[in-house]
Amino acid sequence: MTEAHTDTDHAATDETDPDATNTDVGTFPAVGTAVDQLLDTMRTERADDLDWRGGKAFSLVYNADDPELERLQHDVAEMFLHENALNPFRYRTLLHMEGDIVAWASNLFGAPEGAGSISSGGTRSGVASRGSRLVPRKTYTPKSRPPKVRL
């Protein structure tokens, strides 16, 4: 359970002050926080987060230790920040990239052409993984057992 942020030097003193920050987590702020102040607050709070670049983070965070790759990731993320990957048919570039990734993974794992899809997690991933259980294995023999879904 997280604790409420009670940093008094960020407390709103005047509801009409656009630079004031409301720290009462139970109340929605009457006014927004200035962008620079919000970013400064996030940077300050982030200072105590785990240093994933140090190589000791265990959780879906991987550091390739490649500055050029990291720059590419930032640029691509910024480029597609507002596109919705959940509906790639409206964003053809995302659909094309998804197709490339699925084709590469299918080839890597010896899956038939056209097999696979991408999901970012959540309900759709759970349903898709269970649905894939219904697809027969390409190399199924009586001596091998079909895969099992384990929850």
N, C-alpha and C. Protein backbone atom coordinates (compact mmCIF):
# COMPACT_ATOMS: atom_id res chain seq x y z
N MET A 1 0.85 -1.18 0.00
CA MET A 1 0.00 0.00 0.00
C MET A 1 0.89 1.23 0.00
N THR A 2 0.57 2.19 -0.82
CA THR A 2 1.38 3.41 -0.88
C THR A 2 0.86 4.44 0.11
N GLU A 3 1.78 5.27 0.55
CA GLU A 3 1.41 6.33 1.48
C GLU A 3 1.01 7.57 0.71
N ALA A 4 0.13 8.36 1.30
CA ALA A 4 -0.28 9.62 0.67
C ALA A 4 0.89 10.58 0.66
N HIS A 5 1.03 11.32 -0.41
CA HIS A 5 2.09 12.32 -0.51
C HIS A 5 1.70 13.50 0.36
N THR A 6 2.53 13.82 1.34
CA THR A 6 2.19 14.89 2.27
C THR A 6 3.25 15.99 2.29
N ASP A 7 3.99 16.14 1.24
CA ASP A 7 5.04 17.13 1.16
C ASP A 7 4.44 18.53 1.26
N THR A 8 4.60 19.21 2.38
CA THR A 8 3.91 20.48 2.62
C THR A 8 4.44 21.62 1.77
N ASP A 9 5.67 21.52 1.25
CA ASP A 9 6.16 22.63 0.44
C ASP A 9 5.50 22.65 -0.94
N HIS A 10 4.70 21.61 -1.28
CA HIS A 10 3.95 21.61 -2.53
C HIS A 10 2.46 21.87 -2.29
N ALA A 11 2.08 22.08 -1.05
CA ALA A 11 0.66 22.22 -0.73
C ALA A 11 0.08 23.50 -1.32
N ALA A 12 -1.14 23.39 -1.80
CA ALA A 12 -1.83 24.56 -2.36
C ALA A 12 -2.22 25.51 -1.24
N THR A 13 -1.86 26.75 -1.40
CA THR A 13 -2.22 27.74 -0.38
C THR A 13 -3.33 28.64 -0.88
N ASP A 14 -3.48 28.74 -2.21
CA ASP A 14 -4.49 29.61 -2.78
C ASP A 14 -5.07 28.91 -4.00
N GLU A 15 -6.38 28.58 -3.95
CA GLU A 15 -6.99 27.83 -5.03
C GLU A 15 -6.98 28.58 -6.35
N THR A 16 -6.76 29.88 -6.31
CA THR A 16 -6.72 30.65 -7.56
C THR A 16 -5.31 30.70 -8.14
N ASP A 17 -4.32 30.22 -7.42
CA ASP A 17 -2.94 30.22 -7.88
C ASP A 17 -2.73 29.06 -8.86
N PRO A 18 -2.51 29.32 -10.15
CA PRO A 18 -2.36 28.23 -11.12
C PRO A 18 -1.11 27.40 -10.91
N ASP A 19 -0.15 27.89 -10.13
CA ASP A 19 1.06 27.12 -9.86
C ASP A 19 0.96 26.31 -8.57
N ALA A 20 -0.15 26.42 -7.87
CA ALA A 20 -0.32 25.68 -6.62
C ALA A 20 -0.60 24.22 -6.91
N THR A 21 -0.11 23.34 -6.05
CA THR A 21 -0.31 21.91 -6.21
C THR A 21 -1.13 21.39 -5.05
N ASN A 22 -2.16 20.65 -5.35
CA ASN A 22 -3.00 20.05 -4.33
C ASN A 22 -2.42 18.69 -3.97
N THR A 23 -2.05 18.48 -2.72
CA THR A 23 -1.48 17.20 -2.32
C THR A 23 -2.46 16.35 -1.54
N ASP A 24 -3.68 16.82 -1.36
CA ASP A 24 -4.71 16.02 -0.68
C ASP A 24 -5.20 14.98 -1.68
N VAL A 25 -4.75 13.72 -1.51
CA VAL A 25 -5.07 12.69 -2.50
C VAL A 25 -6.56 12.36 -2.54
N GLY A 26 -7.31 12.78 -1.55
CA GLY A 26 -8.74 12.51 -1.54
C GLY A 26 -9.57 13.54 -2.26
N THR A 27 -8.94 14.62 -2.70
CA THR A 27 -9.67 15.72 -3.35
C THR A 27 -9.06 16.00 -4.71
N PHE A 28 -9.93 16.09 -5.72
CA PHE A 28 -9.45 16.46 -7.05
C PHE A 28 -9.09 17.93 -7.03
N PRO A 29 -7.93 18.32 -7.58
CA PRO A 29 -7.51 19.72 -7.53
C PRO A 29 -8.50 20.65 -8.24
N ALA A 30 -8.69 21.83 -7.67
CA ALA A 30 -9.58 22.84 -8.28
C ALA A 30 -8.93 23.45 -9.51
N VAL A 31 -7.60 23.50 -9.52
CA VAL A 31 -6.87 24.04 -10.66
C VAL A 31 -5.74 23.09 -11.02
N GLY A 32 -5.29 23.15 -12.25
CA GLY A 32 -4.20 22.29 -12.69
C GLY A 32 -2.86 22.77 -12.18
N THR A 33 -1.86 21.92 -12.33
CA THR A 33 -0.50 22.25 -11.93
C THR A 33 0.26 22.67 -13.18
N ALA A 34 1.09 23.68 -13.05
CA ALA A 34 1.91 24.13 -14.18
C ALA A 34 2.78 22.98 -14.67
N VAL A 35 2.96 22.89 -15.97
CA VAL A 35 3.70 21.79 -16.59
C VAL A 35 5.11 21.66 -16.00
N ASP A 36 5.86 22.75 -15.92
CA ASP A 36 7.23 22.67 -15.40
C ASP A 36 7.26 22.21 -13.95
N GLN A 37 6.31 22.66 -13.17
CA GLN A 37 6.25 22.25 -11.77
C GLN A 37 5.93 20.76 -11.66
N LEU A 38 5.00 20.29 -12.48
CA LEU A 38 4.64 18.88 -12.48
C LEU A 38 5.83 18.02 -12.89
N LEU A 39 6.54 18.41 -13.93
CA LEU A 39 7.73 17.67 -14.36
C LEU A 39 8.82 17.67 -13.30
N ASP A 40 9.03 18.83 -12.64
CA ASP A 40 10.01 18.90 -11.56
C ASP A 40 9.63 17.95 -10.42
N THR A 41 8.35 17.92 -10.07
CA THR A 41 7.88 17.02 -9.01
C THR A 41 8.13 15.57 -9.39
N MET A 42 7.84 15.21 -10.62
CA MET A 42 8.06 13.84 -11.08
C MET A 42 9.54 13.48 -11.05
N ARG A 43 10.39 14.41 -11.49
CA ARG A 43 11.84 14.15 -11.47
C ARG A 43 12.33 13.95 -10.04
N THR A 44 11.85 14.78 -9.13
CA THR A 44 12.24 14.67 -7.73
C THR A 44 11.81 13.33 -7.15
N GLU A 45 10.55 12.96 -7.39
CA GLU A 45 10.05 11.69 -6.86
C GLU A 45 10.74 10.50 -7.50
N ARG A 46 11.12 10.63 -8.76
CA ARG A 46 11.77 9.53 -9.48
C ARG A 46 13.19 9.28 -8.98
N ALA A 47 13.79 10.24 -8.33
CA ALA A 47 15.17 10.12 -7.89
C ALA A 47 15.40 8.90 -7.00
N ASP A 48 14.38 8.48 -6.27
CA ASP A 48 14.52 7.33 -5.37
C ASP A 48 14.07 6.02 -6.01
N ASP A 49 13.65 6.05 -7.28
CA ASP A 49 13.22 4.82 -7.96
C ASP A 49 14.43 3.92 -8.23
N LEU A 50 14.14 2.68 -8.50
CA LEU A 50 15.17 1.70 -8.83
C LEU A 50 15.93 2.13 -10.08
N ASP A 51 17.24 2.02 -10.05
CA ASP A 51 18.08 2.36 -11.20
C ASP A 51 18.14 1.14 -12.12
N TRP A 52 17.22 1.07 -13.08
CA TRP A 52 17.15 -0.10 -13.95
C TRP A 52 18.35 -0.19 -14.88
N ARG A 53 19.02 0.91 -15.12
CA ARG A 53 20.20 0.87 -15.99
C ARG A 53 21.37 0.20 -15.29
N GLY A 54 21.32 0.09 -13.98
CA GLY A 54 22.39 -0.53 -13.22
C GLY A 54 22.43 -2.05 -13.35
N GLY A 55 21.43 -2.63 -14.01
CA GLY A 55 21.44 -4.07 -14.27
C GLY A 55 20.94 -4.94 -13.14
N LYS A 56 20.37 -4.35 -12.11
CA LYS A 56 19.91 -5.15 -10.98
C LYS A 56 18.40 -5.09 -10.79
N ALA A 57 17.69 -4.67 -11.82
CA ALA A 57 16.23 -4.58 -11.74
C ALA A 57 15.64 -5.88 -12.22
N PHE A 58 14.82 -6.49 -11.39
CA PHE A 58 14.12 -7.70 -11.80
C PHE A 58 12.66 -7.35 -12.00
N SER A 59 12.27 -7.24 -13.20
CA SER A 59 10.86 -7.03 -13.58
C SER A 59 10.84 -6.51 -14.99
N LEU A 60 10.37 -7.07 -15.89
CA LEU A 60 10.10 -6.61 -17.24
C LEU A 60 10.81 -5.34 -17.68
N VAL A 61 12.00 -5.08 -17.15
CA VAL A 61 12.81 -3.92 -17.53
C VAL A 61 14.17 -4.45 -17.94
N TYR A 62 14.53 -4.20 -19.20
CA TYR A 62 15.79 -4.72 -19.71
C TYR A 62 16.59 -3.57 -20.29
N ASN A 63 17.86 -3.51 -19.93
CA ASN A 63 18.74 -2.47 -20.41
C ASN A 63 19.72 -3.09 -21.38
N ALA A 64 19.61 -2.75 -22.65
CA ALA A 64 20.52 -3.28 -23.66
C ALA A 64 21.89 -2.59 -23.60
N ASP A 65 22.01 -1.54 -22.80
CA ASP A 65 23.25 -0.78 -22.66
C ASP A 65 23.76 -0.33 -24.03
N ASP A 66 22.82 0.19 -24.82
CA ASP A 66 23.13 0.65 -26.17
C ASP A 66 22.49 2.03 -26.34
N PRO A 67 23.26 3.10 -26.19
CA PRO A 67 22.69 4.45 -26.26
C PRO A 67 21.95 4.73 -27.57
N GLU A 68 22.43 4.20 -28.67
CA GLU A 68 21.79 4.44 -29.96
C GLU A 68 20.43 3.75 -30.01
N LEU A 69 20.34 2.53 -29.46
CA LEU A 69 19.07 1.82 -29.40
C LEU A 69 18.09 2.56 -28.48
N GLU A 70 18.58 3.06 -27.36
CA GLU A 70 17.72 3.79 -26.44
C GLU A 70 17.20 5.08 -27.09
N ARG A 71 18.04 5.76 -27.85
CA ARG A 71 17.61 6.96 -28.58
C ARG A 71 16.52 6.61 -29.58
N LEU A 72 16.71 5.50 -30.30
CA LEU A 72 15.71 5.05 -31.26
C LEU A 72 14.38 4.76 -30.56
N GLN A 73 14.43 4.08 -29.42
CA GLN A 73 13.21 3.76 -28.67
C GLN A 73 12.48 5.03 -28.25
N HIS A 74 13.22 6.02 -27.76
CA HIS A 74 12.59 7.29 -27.35
C HIS A 74 11.96 7.99 -28.54
N ASP A 75 12.69 8.04 -29.66
CA ASP A 75 12.17 8.74 -30.83
C ASP A 75 10.92 8.07 -31.38
N VAL A 76 10.92 6.74 -31.44
CA VAL A 76 9.75 6.02 -31.95
C VAL A 76 8.57 6.18 -30.98
N ALA A 77 8.83 6.07 -29.68
CA ALA A 77 7.75 6.24 -28.70
C ALA A 77 7.14 7.63 -28.81
N GLU A 78 7.97 8.65 -28.98
CA GLU A 78 7.45 10.01 -29.13
C GLU A 78 6.66 10.15 -30.44
N MET A 79 7.17 9.53 -31.50
CA MET A 79 6.52 9.64 -32.80
C MET A 79 5.11 9.05 -32.79
N PHE A 80 4.91 7.96 -32.03
CA PHE A 80 3.63 7.27 -32.03
C PHE A 80 2.88 7.41 -30.70
N LEU A 81 3.25 8.40 -29.90
CA LEU A 81 2.67 8.58 -28.58
C LEU A 81 1.15 8.65 -28.60
N HIS A 82 0.57 9.31 -29.58
CA HIS A 82 -0.87 9.53 -29.57
C HIS A 82 -1.65 8.58 -30.48
N GLU A 83 -0.96 7.74 -31.22
CA GLU A 83 -1.67 6.74 -32.01
C GLU A 83 -2.15 5.63 -31.10
N ASN A 84 -3.22 4.97 -31.48
CA ASN A 84 -3.79 3.92 -30.64
C ASN A 84 -3.51 2.56 -31.26
N ALA A 85 -2.56 1.84 -30.68
CA ALA A 85 -2.17 0.54 -31.21
C ALA A 85 -3.28 -0.51 -31.05
N LEU A 86 -4.30 -0.22 -30.25
CA LEU A 86 -5.40 -1.16 -30.12
C LEU A 86 -6.28 -1.18 -31.37
N ASN A 87 -6.13 -0.19 -32.21
CA ASN A 87 -6.88 -0.16 -33.46
C ASN A 87 -5.91 0.13 -34.61
N PRO A 88 -5.06 -0.85 -34.96
CA PRO A 88 -4.05 -0.60 -35.98
C PRO A 88 -4.63 -0.39 -37.38
N PHE A 89 -5.89 -0.74 -37.59
CA PHE A 89 -6.48 -0.55 -38.91
C PHE A 89 -6.69 0.93 -39.23
N ARG A 90 -6.72 1.78 -38.21
CA ARG A 90 -6.83 3.22 -38.42
C ARG A 90 -5.44 3.86 -38.51
N TYR A 91 -4.43 3.13 -38.12
CA TYR A 91 -3.05 3.62 -38.14
C TYR A 91 -2.22 2.60 -38.90
N ARG A 92 -2.16 2.73 -40.21
CA ARG A 92 -1.55 1.72 -41.08
C ARG A 92 -0.08 1.47 -40.77
N THR A 93 0.64 2.48 -40.32
CA THR A 93 2.04 2.28 -39.98
C THR A 93 2.17 1.28 -38.84
N LEU A 94 1.32 1.39 -37.82
CA LEU A 94 1.36 0.45 -36.71
C LEU A 94 0.99 -0.96 -37.18
N LEU A 95 0.02 -1.06 -38.07
CA LEU A 95 -0.37 -2.36 -38.61
C LEU A 95 0.79 -2.99 -39.37
N HIS A 96 1.50 -2.19 -40.15
CA HIS A 96 2.65 -2.69 -40.90
C HIS A 96 3.75 -3.16 -39.95
N MET A 97 4.05 -2.37 -38.92
CA MET A 97 5.08 -2.77 -37.95
C MET A 97 4.67 -4.04 -37.22
N GLU A 98 3.41 -4.14 -36.83
CA GLU A 98 2.93 -5.35 -36.15
C GLU A 98 3.11 -6.56 -37.06
N GLY A 99 2.76 -6.42 -38.33
CA GLY A 99 2.93 -7.52 -39.28
C GLY A 99 4.38 -7.96 -39.41
N ASP A 100 5.29 -7.00 -39.46
CA ASP A 100 6.72 -7.33 -39.54
C ASP A 100 7.17 -8.11 -38.31
N ILE A 101 6.79 -7.64 -37.14
CA ILE A 101 7.22 -8.29 -35.90
C ILE A 101 6.66 -9.71 -35.81
N VAL A 102 5.39 -9.88 -36.15
CA VAL A 102 4.77 -11.21 -36.11
C VAL A 102 5.46 -12.13 -37.12
N ALA A 103 5.75 -11.63 -38.32
CA ALA A 103 6.42 -12.46 -39.34
C ALA A 103 7.81 -12.88 -38.86
N TRP A 104 8.56 -11.95 -38.26
CA TRP A 104 9.90 -12.29 -37.77
C TRP A 104 9.83 -13.33 -36.66
N ALA A 105 8.90 -13.13 -35.72
CA ALA A 105 8.76 -14.09 -34.61
C ALA A 105 8.30 -15.44 -35.12
N SER A 106 7.36 -15.45 -36.06
CA SER A 106 6.88 -16.71 -36.63
C SER A 106 8.03 -17.46 -37.29
N ASN A 107 8.84 -16.75 -38.04
CA ASN A 107 9.99 -17.36 -38.70
C ASN A 107 10.99 -17.89 -37.66
N LEU A 108 11.24 -17.09 -36.64
CA LEU A 108 12.19 -17.47 -35.60
C LEU A 108 11.77 -18.76 -34.89
N PHE A 109 10.46 -18.90 -34.64
CA PHE A 109 9.97 -20.05 -33.90
C PHE A 109 9.41 -21.16 -34.79
N GLY A 110 9.54 -21.01 -36.10
CA GLY A 110 9.10 -22.06 -37.02
C GLY A 110 7.59 -22.17 -37.14
N ALA A 111 6.87 -21.10 -36.86
CA ALA A 111 5.41 -21.12 -36.97
C ALA A 111 5.03 -20.91 -38.44
N PRO A 112 3.84 -21.36 -38.81
CA PRO A 112 3.42 -21.15 -40.20
C PRO A 112 3.24 -19.67 -40.52
N GLU A 113 3.40 -19.32 -41.79
CA GLU A 113 3.24 -17.94 -42.22
C GLU A 113 1.84 -17.44 -41.87
N GLY A 114 1.75 -16.23 -41.37
CA GLY A 114 0.46 -15.65 -41.02
C GLY A 114 0.00 -15.96 -39.61
N ALA A 115 0.77 -16.76 -38.87
CA ALA A 115 0.38 -17.10 -37.50
C ALA A 115 0.80 -15.99 -36.56
N GLY A 116 0.00 -15.78 -35.53
CA GLY A 116 0.39 -14.89 -34.46
C GLY A 116 -0.27 -13.53 -34.47
N SER A 117 -0.12 -12.84 -33.36
CA SER A 117 -0.60 -11.48 -33.19
C SER A 117 0.18 -10.85 -32.05
N ILE A 118 0.02 -9.56 -31.88
CA ILE A 118 0.70 -8.84 -30.80
C ILE A 118 -0.35 -8.34 -29.82
N SER A 119 -0.03 -8.45 -28.55
CA SER A 119 -0.90 -7.89 -27.52
C SER A 119 -0.01 -7.33 -26.43
N SER A 120 -0.45 -6.24 -25.83
CA SER A 120 0.36 -5.57 -24.82
C SER A 120 0.06 -6.07 -23.41
N GLY A 121 -0.89 -6.95 -23.26
CA GLY A 121 -1.20 -7.47 -21.95
C GLY A 121 -2.65 -7.27 -21.58
N GLY A 122 -3.01 -7.74 -20.41
CA GLY A 122 -4.38 -7.57 -19.95
C GLY A 122 -5.30 -8.65 -20.48
N THR A 123 -6.57 -8.33 -20.53
CA THR A 123 -7.60 -9.29 -20.90
C THR A 123 -7.38 -9.87 -22.27
N ARG A 124 -7.06 -9.04 -23.25
CA ARG A 124 -6.89 -9.54 -24.61
C ARG A 124 -5.77 -10.58 -24.67
N SER A 125 -4.68 -10.36 -23.96
CA SER A 125 -3.59 -11.33 -23.97
C SER A 125 -4.02 -12.65 -23.36
N GLY A 126 -4.78 -12.57 -22.28
CA GLY A 126 -5.25 -13.80 -21.65
C GLY A 126 -6.14 -14.60 -22.56
N VAL A 127 -7.07 -13.92 -23.21
CA VAL A 127 -7.98 -14.61 -24.13
C VAL A 127 -7.20 -15.16 -25.32
N ALA A 128 -6.28 -14.37 -25.88
CA ALA A 128 -5.51 -14.82 -27.03
C ALA A 128 -4.64 -16.02 -26.69
N SER A 129 -4.04 -16.03 -25.52
CA SER A 129 -3.18 -17.16 -25.17
C SER A 129 -3.99 -18.44 -25.00
N ARG A 130 -5.18 -18.32 -24.47
CA ARG A 130 -6.02 -19.51 -24.32
C ARG A 130 -6.58 -19.95 -25.66
N GLY A 131 -6.87 -18.98 -26.53
CA GLY A 131 -7.35 -19.32 -27.87
C GLY A 131 -6.29 -20.03 -28.68
N SER A 132 -5.02 -19.67 -28.46
CA SER A 132 -3.95 -20.32 -29.21
C SER A 132 -3.82 -21.79 -28.82
N ARG A 133 -4.31 -22.13 -27.68
CA ARG A 133 -4.29 -23.54 -27.22
C ARG A 133 -5.16 -24.40 -28.14
N LEU A 134 -6.14 -23.80 -28.79
CA LEU A 134 -7.04 -24.55 -29.67
C LEU A 134 -6.43 -24.84 -31.03
N VAL A 135 -5.34 -24.14 -31.36
CA VAL A 135 -4.68 -24.35 -32.65
C VAL A 135 -3.78 -25.57 -32.53
N PRO A 136 -3.92 -26.55 -33.42
CA PRO A 136 -3.09 -27.76 -33.32
C PRO A 136 -1.61 -27.43 -33.50
N ARG A 137 -0.77 -28.16 -32.79
CA ARG A 137 0.68 -28.00 -32.94
C ARG A 137 1.12 -28.52 -34.29
N LYS A 138 2.06 -27.86 -34.90
CA LYS A 138 2.55 -28.23 -36.22
C LYS A 138 3.24 -29.59 -36.19
N THR A 139 3.97 -29.88 -35.14
CA THR A 139 4.76 -31.11 -35.08
C THR A 139 4.20 -32.10 -34.06
N TYR A 140 2.91 -32.10 -33.84
CA TYR A 140 2.30 -33.00 -32.86
C TYR A 140 2.43 -34.45 -33.31
N THR A 141 2.93 -35.27 -32.43
CA THR A 141 3.00 -36.71 -32.67
C THR A 141 2.39 -37.40 -31.47
N PRO A 142 1.98 -38.68 -31.62
CA PRO A 142 1.40 -39.38 -30.48
C PRO A 142 2.33 -39.45 -29.27
N LYS A 143 3.65 -39.37 -29.50
CA LYS A 143 4.60 -39.44 -28.38
C LYS A 143 4.72 -38.10 -27.64
N SER A 144 4.36 -37.01 -28.32
CA SER A 144 4.44 -35.71 -27.65
C SER A 144 3.07 -35.34 -27.13
N ARG A 145 3.07 -34.57 -26.08
CA ARG A 145 1.80 -34.12 -25.51
C ARG A 145 1.53 -32.70 -25.96
N PRO A 146 0.25 -32.38 -26.19
CA PRO A 146 -0.07 -30.99 -26.56
C PRO A 146 0.27 -30.06 -25.38
N PRO A 147 0.56 -28.80 -25.68
CA PRO A 147 0.88 -27.86 -24.60
C PRO A 147 -0.31 -27.66 -23.67
N LYS A 148 -0.02 -27.30 -22.43
CA LYS A 148 -1.06 -27.03 -21.46
C LYS A 148 -0.97 -25.58 -21.03
N VAL A 149 -2.12 -25.00 -20.80
CA VAL A 149 -2.18 -23.64 -20.28
C VAL A 149 -2.15 -23.74 -18.76
N ARG A 150 -1.20 -23.07 -18.16
CA ARG A 150 -1.11 -23.08 -16.71
C ARG A 150 -1.41 -21.69 -16.19
N LEU A 151 -2.28 -21.61 -15.23
CA LEU A 151 -2.64 -20.31 -14.65
C LEU A 151 -1.94 -20.09 -13.34
